[in-house]
């Protein structure tokens, strides 16, 4: 494990942390929100530079279900990011206020819609790398082997996070953002700022869990359909 690899991993985790933080718009205010968003896009540019070889392999390996799933998630994120950036520039009141563009209520709704889509797709993207992240964590913590108790505990924790994430989708009222509906409910940051952060973390956890276990199911599907498996079954 090289220092450059760890540096890239820290940058990626910092980028999704900034994305989460940006959702607390009413807590931090517009100026901080825009600075956080601009910093996140700077990190995403570095992420694409570090992973530029991925683009050269984009046209290959589409026959594997695992590859199809992971590349579809990544491409969806790539397609959403320009929309988030453009809408961010249009609604900007601080960082890009010098540009001759005019915002509107509809554009702000579109910005919120794309932001929540990016949040969930980014969570799926994180889940694609979860096995690698856990492997790095084990190495740093000196854990050499997994026990049955550890496995059961982690699966139980995943179930709890997923359940809390599903519940959070309703509490945060993600539906109204995705449908661009006018919502009259506002989060009380003075009373429950920690709850807001935890619920959005749970939503990210839900997406990561879905992606992580989807890859496991696809790997299982591939093993069962492999020629070697068929020979063993004869």
C-alpha atoms as a PDB file:
ATOM      1  CA  UNK A   1       0.000   0.000   0.000  1.00  0.00           C
ATOM      2  CA  UNK A   2       1.686   3.188  -1.197  1.00  0.00           C
ATOM      3  CA  UNK A   3       1.390   6.660   0.393  1.00  0.00           C
ATOM      4  CA  UNK A   4      -0.072   7.919  -2.911  1.00  0.00           C
ATOM      5  CA  UNK A   5      -2.846   5.318  -2.718  1.00  0.00           C
ATOM      6  CA  UNK A   6      -3.719   6.373   0.833  1.00  0.00           C
ATOM      7  CA  UNK A   7      -3.642  10.041  -0.225  1.00  0.00           C
ATOM      8  CA  UNK A   8      -6.086   9.323  -3.057  1.00  0.00           C
ATOM      9  CA  UNK A   9      -8.365   7.405  -0.708  1.00  0.00           C
ATOM     10  CA  UNK A  10      -8.384  10.278   1.792  1.00  0.00           C
ATOM     11  CA  UNK A  11      -9.235  12.750  -0.992  1.00  0.00           C
ATOM     12  CA  UNK A  12     -12.146  10.576  -2.161  1.00  0.00           C
ATOM     13  CA  UNK A  13     -13.564  10.236   1.364  1.00  0.00           C
ATOM     14  CA  UNK A  14     -13.113  13.969   1.912  1.00  0.00           C
ATOM     15  CA  UNK A  15     -15.051  14.686  -1.302  1.00  0.00           C
ATOM     16  CA  UNK A  16     -18.089  12.680  -0.198  1.00  0.00           C
ATOM     17  CA  UNK A  17     -17.819  14.251   3.282  1.00  0.00           C
ATOM     18  CA  UNK A  18     -18.004  17.703   1.679  1.00  0.00           C
ATOM     19  CA  UNK A  19     -21.003  16.561  -0.372  1.00  0.00           C
ATOM     20  CA  UNK A  20     -22.757  15.524   2.836  1.00  0.00           C
ATOM     21  CA  UNK A  21     -21.841  18.785   4.553  1.00  0.00           C
ATOM     22  CA  UNK A  22     -23.190  20.841   1.659  1.00  0.00           C
ATOM     23  CA  UNK A  23     -26.710  19.574   2.366  1.00  0.00           C
ATOM     24  CA  UNK A  24     -26.763  21.522   5.644  1.00  0.00           C
ATOM     25  CA  UNK A  25     -27.437  24.701   3.650  1.00  0.00           C
ATOM     26  CA  UNK A  26     -29.749  26.302   6.193  1.00  0.00           C
ATOM     27  CA  UNK A  27     -27.250  25.632   8.964  1.00  0.00           C
ATOM     28  CA  UNK A  28     -24.073  27.044   7.365  1.00  0.00           C
ATOM     29  CA  UNK A  29     -25.598  29.691   5.122  1.00  0.00           C
ATOM     30  CA  UNK A  30     -25.183  30.326   1.403  1.00  0.00           C
ATOM     31  CA  UNK A  31     -21.555  31.537   1.348  1.00  0.00           C
ATOM     32  CA  UNK A  32     -20.188  28.524   3.251  1.00  0.00           C
ATOM     33  CA  UNK A  33     -22.389  26.209   1.179  1.00  0.00           C
ATOM     34  CA  UNK A  34     -20.881  27.528  -2.054  1.00  0.00           C
ATOM     35  CA  UNK A  35     -17.306  27.347  -0.738  1.00  0.00           C
ATOM     36  CA  UNK A  36     -17.896  23.735   0.343  1.00  0.00           C
ATOM     37  CA  UNK A  37     -19.351  22.896  -3.072  1.00  0.00           C
ATOM     38  CA  UNK A  38     -16.476  24.544  -4.941  1.00  0.00           C
ATOM     39  CA  UNK A  39     -13.949  22.649  -2.813  1.00  0.00           C
ATOM     40  CA  UNK A  40     -15.790  19.401  -3.535  1.00  0.00           C
ATOM     41  CA  UNK A  41     -15.606  19.977  -7.292  1.00  0.00           C
ATOM     42  CA  UNK A  42     -11.864  20.690  -6.994  1.00  0.00           C
ATOM     43  CA  UNK A  43     -11.423  17.321  -5.274  1.00  0.00           C
ATOM     44  CA  UNK A  44     -13.522  15.613  -7.954  1.00  0.00           C
ATOM     45  CA  UNK A  45     -11.231  17.028 -10.636  1.00  0.00           C
ATOM     46  CA  UNK A  46      -8.237  15.540  -8.827  1.00  0.00           C
ATOM     47  CA  UNK A  47     -10.141  12.242  -8.485  1.00  0.00           C
ATOM     48  CA  UNK A  48     -10.649  12.098 -12.257  1.00  0.00           C
ATOM     49  CA  UNK A  49      -7.003  12.951 -12.910  1.00  0.00           C
ATOM     50  CA  UNK A  50      -5.799  10.158 -10.615  1.00  0.00           C
ATOM     51  CA  UNK A  51      -8.222   7.693 -12.241  1.00  0.00           C
ATOM     52  CA  UNK A  52      -7.768   8.830 -15.843  1.00  0.00           C
ATOM     53  CA  UNK A  53      -6.765   5.307 -16.961  1.00  0.00           C
ATOM     54  CA  UNK A  54     -10.348   4.195 -16.277  1.00  0.00           C
ATOM     55  CA  UNK A  55     -11.511   6.115 -19.351  1.00  0.00           C
ATOM     56  CA  UNK A  56      -9.151   4.114 -21.570  1.00  0.00           C
ATOM     57  CA  UNK A  57     -10.787   0.865 -20.435  1.00  0.00           C
ATOM     58  CA  UNK A  58     -14.348   2.141 -20.761  1.00  0.00           C
ATOM     59  CA  UNK A  59     -15.157   0.323 -24.019  1.00  0.00           C
ATOM     60  CA  UNK A  60     -13.840  -3.049 -22.795  1.00  0.00           C
ATOM     61  CA  UNK A  61     -15.237  -5.687 -20.458  1.00  0.00           C
ATOM     62  CA  UNK A  62     -18.966  -4.944 -20.796  1.00  0.00           C
ATOM     63  CA  UNK A  63     -19.787  -8.666 -20.967  1.00  0.00           C
ATOM     64  CA  UNK A  64     -19.304  -9.169 -17.239  1.00  0.00           C
ATOM     65  CA  UNK A  65     -22.420  -8.367 -15.094  1.00  0.00           C
ATOM     66  CA  UNK A  66     -20.215  -7.026 -12.292  1.00  0.00           C
ATOM     67  CA  UNK A  67     -18.464  -4.685 -14.692  1.00  0.00           C
ATOM     68  CA  UNK A  68     -21.766  -3.561 -16.232  1.00  0.00           C
ATOM     69  CA  UNK A  69     -23.155  -2.648 -12.816  1.00  0.00           C
ATOM     70  CA  UNK A  70     -20.064  -0.786 -11.583  1.00  0.00           C
ATOM     71  CA  UNK A  71     -19.533   1.106 -14.839  1.00  0.00           C
ATOM     72  CA  UNK A  72     -23.196   2.076 -15.081  1.00  0.00           C
ATOM     73  CA  UNK A  73     -23.041   3.553 -11.581  1.00  0.00           C
ATOM     74  CA  UNK A  74     -19.840   5.455 -12.377  1.00  0.00           C
ATOM     75  CA  UNK A  75     -21.162   6.742 -15.711  1.00  0.00           C
ATOM     76  CA  UNK A  76     -24.387   7.895 -14.050  1.00  0.00           C
ATOM     77  CA  UNK A  77     -22.322   9.872 -11.561  1.00  0.00           C
ATOM     78  CA  UNK A  78     -20.217  11.370 -14.352  1.00  0.00           C
ATOM     79  CA  UNK A  79     -23.345  12.440 -16.243  1.00  0.00           C
ATOM     80  CA  UNK A  80     -24.937  14.021 -13.166  1.00  0.00           C
ATOM     81  CA  UNK A  81     -21.886  16.012 -12.057  1.00  0.00           C
ATOM     82  CA  UNK A  82     -21.921  18.528 -14.960  1.00  0.00           C
ATOM     83  CA  UNK A  83     -25.602  19.182 -14.253  1.00  0.00           C
ATOM     84  CA  UNK A  84     -24.842  19.794 -10.587  1.00  0.00           C
ATOM     85  CA  UNK A  85     -21.975  22.120 -11.512  1.00  0.00           C
ATOM     86  CA  UNK A  86     -23.997  24.105 -14.071  1.00  0.00           C
ATOM     87  CA  UNK A  87     -26.973  24.508 -11.741  1.00  0.00           C
ATOM     88  CA  UNK A  88     -24.581  25.495  -8.922  1.00  0.00           C
ATOM     89  CA  UNK A  89     -23.122  28.267 -11.050  1.00  0.00           C
ATOM     90  CA  UNK A  90     -26.568  29.532 -12.050  1.00  0.00           C
ATOM     91  CA  UNK A  91     -27.952  29.678  -8.483  1.00  0.00           C
ATOM     92  CA  UNK A  92     -24.680  31.040  -7.050  1.00  0.00           C
ATOM     93  CA  UNK A  93     -24.979  34.217  -4.981  1.00  0.00           C
ATOM     94  CA  UNK A  94     -21.361  34.449  -3.844  1.00  0.00           C
ATOM     95  CA  UNK A  95     -18.597  32.514  -5.609  1.00  0.00           C
ATOM     96  CA  UNK A  96     -19.951  32.889  -9.174  1.00  0.00           C
ATOM     97  CA  UNK A  97     -22.151  35.938  -8.625  1.00  0.00           C
ATOM     98  CA  UNK A  98     -20.022  37.930 -11.108  1.00  0.00           C
ATOM     99  CA  UNK A  99     -21.299  35.833 -14.018  1.00  0.00           C
ATOM    100  CA  UNK A 100     -24.193  37.247 -16.088  1.00  0.00           C
ATOM    101  CA  UNK A 101     -26.609  34.407 -15.386  1.00  0.00           C
ATOM    102  CA  UNK A 102     -30.059  34.619 -13.868  1.00  0.00           C
ATOM    103  CA  UNK A 103     -31.400  32.157 -11.320  1.00  0.00           C
ATOM    104  CA  UNK A 104     -35.009  31.153 -10.681  1.00  0.00           C
ATOM    105  CA  UNK A 105     -37.022  29.037  -8.280  1.00  0.00           C
ATOM    106  CA  UNK A 106     -37.215  26.231 -10.858  1.00  0.00           C
ATOM    107  CA  UNK A 107     -33.428  26.168 -11.277  1.00  0.00           C
ATOM    108  CA  UNK A 108     -33.014  25.906  -7.499  1.00  0.00           C
ATOM    109  CA  UNK A 109     -35.436  22.961  -7.500  1.00  0.00           C
ATOM    110  CA  UNK A 110     -33.440  21.319 -10.306  1.00  0.00           C
ATOM    111  CA  UNK A 111     -30.266  21.921  -8.299  1.00  0.00           C
ATOM    112  CA  UNK A 112     -31.784  20.168  -5.254  1.00  0.00           C
ATOM    113  CA  UNK A 113     -33.031  17.302  -7.438  1.00  0.00           C
ATOM    114  CA  UNK A 114     -29.599  16.697  -8.978  1.00  0.00           C
ATOM    115  CA  UNK A 115     -27.888  17.082  -5.601  1.00  0.00           C
ATOM    116  CA  UNK A 116     -29.910  14.260  -4.046  1.00  0.00           C
ATOM    117  CA  UNK A 117     -29.432  12.063  -7.110  1.00  0.00           C
ATOM    118  CA  UNK A 118     -25.677  12.693  -6.856  1.00  0.00           C
ATOM    119  CA  UNK A 119     -25.772  11.866  -3.142  1.00  0.00           C
ATOM    120  CA  UNK A 120     -27.312   8.447  -3.721  1.00  0.00           C
ATOM    121  CA  UNK A 121     -25.255   7.582  -6.830  1.00  0.00           C
ATOM    122  CA  UNK A 122     -22.079   8.690  -5.008  1.00  0.00           C
ATOM    123  CA  UNK A 123     -23.105   6.368  -2.171  1.00  0.00           C
ATOM    124  CA  UNK A 124     -23.433   3.509  -4.672  1.00  0.00           C
ATOM    125  CA  UNK A 125     -20.014   4.440  -6.075  1.00  0.00           C
ATOM    126  CA  UNK A 126     -18.578   4.328  -2.558  1.00  0.00           C
ATOM    127  CA  UNK A 127     -20.096   0.885  -2.075  1.00  0.00           C
ATOM    128  CA  UNK A 128     -18.277  -0.358  -5.185  1.00  0.00           C
ATOM    129  CA  UNK A 129     -15.004   0.322  -3.358  1.00  0.00           C
ATOM    130  CA  UNK A 130     -16.151  -0.833   0.078  1.00  0.00           C
ATOM    131  CA  UNK A 131     -14.234  -4.133   0.082  1.00  0.00           C
ATOM    132  CA  UNK A 132     -11.045  -2.247  -0.729  1.00  0.00           C
ATOM    133  CA  UNK A 133     -11.744   0.383   1.951  1.00  0.00           C
ATOM    134  CA  UNK A 134     -12.326  -2.321   4.561  1.00  0.00           C
ATOM    135  CA  UNK A 135      -9.140  -4.106   3.480  1.00  0.00           C
ATOM    136  CA  UNK A 136      -7.164  -0.904   3.986  1.00  0.00           C
ATOM    137  CA  UNK A 137      -8.828  -0.347   7.373  1.00  0.00           C
ATOM    138  CA  UNK A 138      -7.926  -3.875   8.484  1.00  0.00           C
ATOM    139  CA  UNK A 139      -4.300  -3.370   7.474  1.00  0.00           C
ATOM    140  CA  UNK A 140      -4.057  -0.076   9.315  1.00  0.00           C
ATOM    141  CA  UNK A 141      -5.664  -1.584  12.427  1.00  0.00           C
ATOM    142  CA  UNK A 142      -3.539  -4.724  12.289  1.00  0.00           C
ATOM    143  CA  UNK A 143      -6.494  -7.112  11.878  1.00  0.00           C
ATOM    144  CA  UNK A 144      -5.096 -10.218  10.176  1.00  0.00           C
ATOM    145  CA  UNK A 145      -8.200 -12.424   9.966  1.00  0.00           C
ATOM    146  CA  UNK A 146     -11.962 -12.209  10.167  1.00  0.00           C
ATOM    147  CA  UNK A 147     -13.930 -14.194  12.716  1.00  0.00           C
ATOM    148  CA  UNK A 148     -17.494 -15.454  12.479  1.00  0.00           C
ATOM    149  CA  UNK A 149     -18.510 -13.111  15.286  1.00  0.00           C
ATOM    150  CA  UNK A 150     -17.042 -10.120  13.434  1.00  0.00           C
ATOM    151  CA  UNK A 151     -18.875 -11.111  10.258  1.00  0.00           C
ATOM    152  CA  UNK A 152     -22.214 -11.461  12.009  1.00  0.00           C
ATOM    153  CA  UNK A 153     -21.714  -8.165  13.857  1.00  0.00           C
ATOM    154  CA  UNK A 154     -20.895  -6.297  10.635  1.00  0.00           C
ATOM    155  CA  UNK A 155     -23.904  -7.777   8.826  1.00  0.00           C
ATOM    156  CA  UNK A 156     -26.150  -6.850  11.731  1.00  0.00           C
ATOM    157  CA  UNK A 157     -24.767  -3.322  11.682  1.00  0.00           C
ATOM    158  CA  UNK A 158     -25.388  -3.142   7.920  1.00  0.00           C
ATOM    159  CA  UNK A 159     -29.035  -4.118   8.439  1.00  0.00           C
ATOM    160  CA  UNK A 160     -29.473  -1.409  11.083  1.00  0.00           C
ATOM    161  CA  UNK A 161     -27.827   1.257   8.899  1.00  0.00           C
ATOM    162  CA  UNK A 162     -29.940   0.254   5.885  1.00  0.00           C
ATOM    163  CA  UNK A 163     -33.152   0.382   7.941  1.00  0.00           C
ATOM    164  CA  UNK A 164     -32.239   3.781   9.366  1.00  0.00           C
ATOM    165  CA  UNK A 165     -31.301   4.975   5.871  1.00  0.00           C
ATOM    166  CA  UNK A 166     -34.686   3.931   4.435  1.00  0.00           C
ATOM    167  CA  UNK A 167     -36.473   5.671   7.300  1.00  0.00           C
ATOM    168  CA  UNK A 168     -34.311   8.763   6.750  1.00  0.00           C
ATOM    169  CA  UNK A 169     -35.429   9.002   3.122  1.00  0.00           C
ATOM    170  CA  UNK A 170     -38.940   9.702   4.401  1.00  0.00           C
ATOM    171  CA  UNK A 171     -37.940  11.893   7.337  1.00  0.00           C
ATOM    172  CA  UNK A 172     -35.725  14.133   5.189  1.00  0.00           C
ATOM    173  CA  UNK A 173     -38.515  14.093   2.565  1.00  0.00           C
ATOM    174  CA  UNK A 174     -36.269  13.159  -0.338  1.00  0.00           C
ATOM    175  CA  UNK A 175     -39.370  12.379  -2.408  1.00  0.00           C
ATOM    176  CA  UNK A 176     -40.368  16.061  -2.633  1.00  0.00           C
ATOM    177  CA  UNK A 177     -36.858  16.970  -3.862  1.00  0.00           C
ATOM    178  CA  UNK A 178     -36.841  14.273  -6.518  1.00  0.00           C
ATOM    179  CA  UNK A 179     -40.320  15.261  -7.734  1.00  0.00           C
ATOM    180  CA  UNK A 180     -39.458  18.996  -7.502  1.00  0.00           C
ATOM    181  CA  UNK A 181     -42.451  19.602  -5.256  1.00  0.00           C
ATOM    182  CA  UNK A 182     -42.778  22.645  -3.028  1.00  0.00           C
ATOM    183  CA  UNK A 183     -42.250  21.451   0.551  1.00  0.00           C
ATOM    184  CA  UNK A 184     -43.389  23.524   3.511  1.00  0.00           C
ATOM    185  CA  UNK A 185     -41.480  21.484   6.115  1.00  0.00           C
ATOM    186  CA  UNK A 186     -38.047  22.768   7.167  1.00  0.00           C
ATOM    187  CA  UNK A 187     -35.435  21.084   9.312  1.00  0.00           C
ATOM    188  CA  UNK A 188     -34.907  22.639  12.739  1.00  0.00           C
ATOM    189  CA  UNK A 189     -31.104  22.768  12.915  1.00  0.00           C
ATOM    190  CA  UNK A 190     -31.118  24.398  16.342  1.00  0.00           C
ATOM    191  CA  UNK A 191     -32.961  21.411  17.816  1.00  0.00           C
ATOM    192  CA  UNK A 192     -31.637  18.504  15.728  1.00  0.00           C
ATOM    193  CA  UNK A 193     -28.490  19.403  13.778  1.00  0.00           C
ATOM    194  CA  UNK A 194     -26.792  16.102  14.680  1.00  0.00           C
ATOM    195  CA  UNK A 195     -29.888  14.180  13.582  1.00  0.00           C
ATOM    196  CA  UNK A 196     -29.778  15.831  10.152  1.00  0.00           C
ATOM    197  CA  UNK A 197     -26.151  14.803   9.643  1.00  0.00           C
ATOM    198  CA  UNK A 198     -26.724  11.254  10.896  1.00  0.00           C
ATOM    199  CA  UNK A 199     -29.732  10.756   8.631  1.00  0.00           C
ATOM    200  CA  UNK A 200     -27.803  11.842   5.536  1.00  0.00           C
ATOM    201  CA  UNK A 201     -24.894   9.614   6.543  1.00  0.00           C
ATOM    202  CA  UNK A 202     -27.409   6.767   6.866  1.00  0.00           C
ATOM    203  CA  UNK A 203     -28.688   7.485   3.335  1.00  0.00           C
ATOM    204  CA  UNK A 204     -25.105   7.248   2.061  1.00  0.00           C
ATOM    205  CA  UNK A 205     -24.676   4.054   4.069  1.00  0.00           C
ATOM    206  CA  UNK A 206     -27.841   2.628   2.508  1.00  0.00           C
ATOM    207  CA  UNK A 207     -26.535   3.278  -1.000  1.00  0.00           C
ATOM    208  CA  UNK A 208     -23.105   1.837  -0.191  1.00  0.00           C
ATOM    209  CA  UNK A 209     -24.671  -1.295   1.294  1.00  0.00           C
ATOM    210  CA  UNK A 210     -26.889  -1.785  -1.772  1.00  0.00           C
ATOM    211  CA  UNK A 211     -23.881  -1.532  -4.108  1.00  0.00           C
ATOM    212  CA  UNK A 212     -21.605  -3.686  -1.940  1.00  0.00           C
ATOM    213  CA  UNK A 213     -24.056  -6.578  -1.632  1.00  0.00           C
ATOM    214  CA  UNK A 214     -25.152  -6.230  -5.261  1.00  0.00           C
ATOM    215  CA  UNK A 215     -21.541  -6.938  -6.268  1.00  0.00           C
ATOM    216  CA  UNK A 216     -21.494  -9.979  -3.983  1.00  0.00           C
ATOM    217  CA  UNK A 217     -24.697 -11.291  -5.566  1.00  0.00           C
ATOM    218  CA  UNK A 218     -23.287 -10.724  -9.057  1.00  0.00           C
ATOM    219  CA  UNK A 219     -20.087 -12.562  -8.092  1.00  0.00           C
ATOM    220  CA  UNK A 220     -22.199 -15.459  -6.793  1.00  0.00           C
ATOM    221  CA  UNK A 221     -24.232 -15.458  -9.999  1.00  0.00           C
ATOM    222  CA  UNK A 222     -21.024 -15.549 -12.062  1.00  0.00           C
ATOM    223  CA  UNK A 223     -19.607 -18.448 -10.029  1.00  0.00           C
ATOM    224  CA  UNK A 224     -22.747 -20.507 -10.480  1.00  0.00           C
ATOM    225  CA  UNK A 225     -22.748 -19.954 -14.241  1.00  0.00           C
ATOM    226  CA  UNK A 226     -19.033 -20.584 -14.751  1.00  0.00           C
ATOM    227  CA  UNK A 227     -18.013 -23.697 -16.734  1.00  0.00           C
ATOM    228  CA  UNK A 228     -16.026 -25.031 -13.773  1.00  0.00           C
ATOM    229  CA  UNK A 229     -19.097 -24.894 -11.556  1.00  0.00           C
ATOM    230  CA  UNK A 230     -21.116 -26.734 -14.169  1.00  0.00           C
ATOM    231  CA  UNK A 231     -18.477 -29.489 -14.420  1.00  0.00           C
ATOM    232  CA  UNK A 232     -18.438 -29.931 -10.652  1.00  0.00           C
ATOM    233  CA  UNK A 233     -22.211 -30.265 -10.658  1.00  0.00           C
ATOM    234  CA  UNK A 234     -22.165 -33.097 -13.204  1.00  0.00           C
END
